[in-house]
Every structure is written in C-alpha cells, then in structure tokens.
Protein backbone atom coordinates (compact mmCIF):
# COMPACT_ATOMS: atom_id res chain seq x y z
CA UNK A 1 46.10 29.55 72.91
CA UNK A 2 46.21 25.80 72.19
CA UNK A 3 48.45 24.17 69.58
CA UNK A 4 45.40 23.85 67.31
CA UNK A 5 44.88 27.61 67.60
CA UNK A 6 48.54 28.59 67.14
CA UNK A 7 49.32 31.08 64.37
CA UNK A 8 51.03 29.84 61.22
CA UNK A 9 53.16 32.02 58.96
CA UNK A 10 51.36 32.79 55.71
CA UNK A 11 54.69 33.04 53.83
CA UNK A 12 56.81 30.06 54.97
CA UNK A 13 54.22 28.10 57.00
CA UNK A 14 56.49 28.31 60.05
CA UNK A 15 55.03 27.96 63.53
CA UNK A 16 57.51 30.06 65.55
CA UNK A 17 55.71 33.42 65.63
CA UNK A 18 55.47 36.20 68.19
CA UNK A 19 52.77 38.83 68.65
CA UNK A 20 53.83 41.92 66.70
CA UNK A 21 50.81 44.21 67.06
CA UNK A 22 47.10 44.52 67.75
CA UNK A 23 45.42 46.80 65.24
CA UNK A 24 42.05 47.87 63.92
CA UNK A 25 40.89 49.56 60.74
CA UNK A 26 41.32 53.31 61.19
CA UNK A 27 41.12 54.13 57.48
CA UNK A 28 37.66 52.82 56.55
CA UNK A 29 36.35 51.97 60.05
CA UNK A 30 34.76 48.96 58.38
CA UNK A 31 34.68 46.76 61.51
CA UNK A 32 35.05 47.68 65.19
CA UNK A 33 37.23 44.77 66.37
CA UNK A 34 41.03 44.60 66.55
CA UNK A 35 43.17 42.01 64.81
CA UNK A 36 46.36 40.31 66.00
CA UNK A 37 49.42 40.42 63.77
CA UNK A 38 52.22 37.94 64.37
CA UNK A 39 55.79 38.07 63.06
CA UNK A 40 57.48 34.88 61.95
CA UNK A 41 60.83 34.33 63.63
CA UNK A 42 62.01 32.27 60.64
CA UNK A 43 61.32 34.59 57.71
CA UNK A 44 60.15 37.86 59.31
CA UNK A 45 56.80 37.97 57.49
CA UNK A 46 53.72 39.33 59.23
CA UNK A 47 50.53 37.27 59.39
CA UNK A 48 47.11 38.04 60.80
CA UNK A 49 45.71 35.37 63.13
CA UNK A 50 43.09 34.17 63.20
CA UNK A 51 42.31 35.08 59.61
CA UNK A 52 38.79 36.55 59.64
CA UNK A 53 37.75 34.58 56.55
CA UNK A 54 34.02 35.05 57.10
CA UNK A 55 34.44 38.84 57.47
CA UNK A 56 36.63 39.71 54.47
CA UNK A 57 33.74 41.29 52.56
CA UNK A 58 33.10 43.69 55.46
CA UNK A 59 36.77 44.39 56.14
CA UNK A 60 37.57 45.10 52.47
CA UNK A 61 34.58 47.04 51.06
CA UNK A 62 34.15 47.58 47.32
CA UNK A 63 35.72 51.06 47.60
CA UNK A 64 38.90 49.65 49.17
CA UNK A 65 41.83 51.22 47.32
CA UNK A 66 43.31 48.00 45.89
CA UNK A 67 39.98 47.15 44.27
CA UNK A 68 39.39 50.58 42.76
CA UNK A 69 39.39 50.50 38.99
CA UNK A 70 42.15 52.64 37.59
CA UNK A 71 41.86 53.88 34.07
CA UNK A 72 45.11 53.68 32.21
CA UNK A 73 46.09 55.36 29.01
CA UNK A 74 47.00 53.18 26.05
CA UNK A 75 50.69 54.03 26.60
CA UNK A 76 50.49 53.02 30.29
CA UNK A 77 48.92 49.67 29.34
CA UNK A 78 51.69 49.02 26.81
CA UNK A 79 54.37 49.98 29.35
CA UNK A 80 52.84 47.65 31.96
CA UNK A 81 52.90 44.73 29.50
CA UNK A 82 56.50 45.47 28.51
CA UNK A 83 57.53 45.71 32.18
CA UNK A 84 55.95 42.30 32.83
CA UNK A 85 57.83 40.76 29.90
CA UNK A 86 61.14 42.34 30.97
CA UNK A 87 60.78 41.25 34.60
CA UNK A 88 59.63 37.79 33.56
CA UNK A 89 62.68 37.29 31.34
CA UNK A 90 64.96 38.78 34.02
CA UNK A 91 63.65 36.38 36.67
CA UNK A 92 64.03 33.45 34.28
CA UNK A 93 67.59 34.56 33.53
CA UNK A 94 68.49 34.78 37.22
CA UNK A 95 66.58 31.81 38.58
CA UNK A 96 66.64 29.49 35.60
CA UNK A 97 65.41 25.99 36.37
CA UNK A 98 65.70 26.60 40.14
CA UNK A 99 62.57 28.76 40.23
CA UNK A 100 58.90 27.91 39.86
CA UNK A 101 57.05 30.12 37.40
CA UNK A 102 53.38 30.96 36.98
CA UNK A 103 51.29 32.97 34.56
CA UNK A 104 50.24 36.35 35.96
CA UNK A 105 47.10 36.21 33.82
CA UNK A 106 46.15 32.79 35.23
CA UNK A 107 45.83 32.76 39.04
CA UNK A 108 45.07 29.03 38.91
CA UNK A 109 48.65 28.38 37.74
CA UNK A 110 49.92 29.86 41.03
CA UNK A 111 47.36 27.89 43.03
CA UNK A 112 48.50 24.70 41.28
CA UNK A 113 52.14 25.39 42.21
CA UNK A 114 51.19 26.02 45.83
CA UNK A 115 49.16 22.80 45.97
CA UNK A 116 52.06 20.80 44.46
CA UNK A 117 54.34 22.24 47.14
CA UNK A 118 51.90 21.54 49.96
CA UNK A 119 51.25 17.98 48.80
CA UNK A 120 54.86 17.01 48.11
CA UNK A 121 56.82 19.25 50.47
CA UNK A 122 59.19 19.93 47.54
CA UNK A 123 59.60 23.31 45.91
CA UNK A 124 58.00 22.92 42.42
CA UNK A 125 61.00 23.88 40.28
CA UNK A 126 62.53 21.87 37.43
CA UNK A 127 65.79 21.49 39.38
CA UNK A 128 66.34 20.90 43.08
CA UNK A 129 67.19 24.08 45.00
CA UNK A 130 69.82 22.06 46.88
CA UNK A 131 71.89 22.11 43.65
CA UNK A 132 71.86 25.95 43.55
CA UNK A 133 75.12 27.77 44.15
CA UNK A 134 76.08 31.41 44.04
CA UNK A 135 78.66 32.36 41.46
CA UNK A 136 81.50 34.76 42.17
CA UNK A 137 82.18 38.04 40.33
CA UNK A 138 84.75 36.45 38.03
CA UNK A 139 82.32 33.76 36.90
CA UNK A 140 79.46 36.27 36.62
CA UNK A 141 81.62 38.59 34.46
CA UNK A 142 82.59 35.73 32.18
CA UNK A 143 78.93 34.69 31.89
CA UNK A 144 77.88 38.27 31.09
CA UNK A 145 80.57 38.62 28.42
CA UNK A 146 79.67 35.28 26.82
CA UNK A 147 75.95 36.09 26.72
CA UNK A 148 76.56 39.62 25.43
CA UNK A 149 78.68 38.32 22.55
CA UNK A 150 76.17 35.56 21.78
CA UNK A 151 73.26 38.03 21.70
CA UNK A 152 75.21 40.64 19.74
CA UNK A 153 76.04 38.07 17.06
CA UNK A 154 72.39 37.00 16.84
CA UNK A 155 71.04 40.56 16.72
CA UNK A 156 70.42 41.95 13.23
CA UNK A 157 72.55 44.92 12.28
CA UNK A 158 70.62 48.15 12.15
CA UNK A 159 71.23 50.28 9.08
CA UNK A 160 73.14 53.50 9.70
CA UNK A 161 70.80 56.45 9.99
CA UNK A 162 71.68 60.10 9.58
CA UNK A 163 70.91 62.29 12.56
CA UNK A 164 70.09 65.97 12.68
CA UNK A 165 73.65 66.88 13.74
CA UNK A 166 75.32 64.76 11.04
CA UNK A 167 76.00 65.88 7.44
C-alpha cells in the first residue's frame, strides 16, 4: 500500500494505524466483499479503509436498523428532549469555553466546526485547550458548594404543600 493509499483515522486523522480485522456483512448480506478495519495507535478508534463511498447505498439498505423509523409515544419524545437539554447543559458546565458546541438539530453546524478545524488546525473552541487544567477535589468541592448556594438563592421558594401522611 503506497503512502497515498495509507489509511487515515476517522476520529483523530492520525496516520499510524494497524490492521485490526477483515470483515464482511453477515447480518444483511448486502454485499459479498470483505472490508478492512484499521485501529489507530494514537486514539484507538477503528476506521474502515478504503471507505466504500460509492457503495454505501448497497451496504446500508433502507431497512438497515439505524434508519428504521421508530414511533415514540408523546412521553418518550418529551423525555428525549429533556435528556438533550440536561446533557447539553452538563457538557457546557464541564467543558465551558474549552469545548466546541453544535446544534443537534442542525448537522451543518457540526460540519462547519469540522471545516474550521481542518482549515485552521486549531480546535474551534472559544478558549485554547492548552489553557485547560484539571482541578483537584478540594477546588471541585468548593466550586460545587458555591454554585449550589448561588442556584439555591436564585431558585424561587416553593410553597409548603400538605401530603397524604401529614395532618
């Protein structure tokens, strides 16, 4: 395999990969050929190489399980939206300005971030990742206490409500 044909990691774009497996579709039997999977020695991700771009429609037929429409109840739809909001706020709390964020409802926003990264070579966050530092348990506890007090003060007081076991 020449340098021009060398596999590239789909996660970190590294070039130090080793053959991990040769496999073929034994679930749908959509195509007869085998595909080579390579593992990145830098990040551990698996990548298929070469990517069969002109065969994706055959490899992933319309009945492929990730494309199957799933009907959700109204409650499940609400729960999914709440989970997204909770995880989004959690990630923003943890990563702050050191993370790059995109809108799950707008795939183009992710594509734009990837293109900015590829063009500049810099991770597209508001602050440079080089400035990131882990905090210790003491500092984390102090931060948790400060934020808990701040949010408790801002939260409206709920009126006392009688319960079934109370007079």
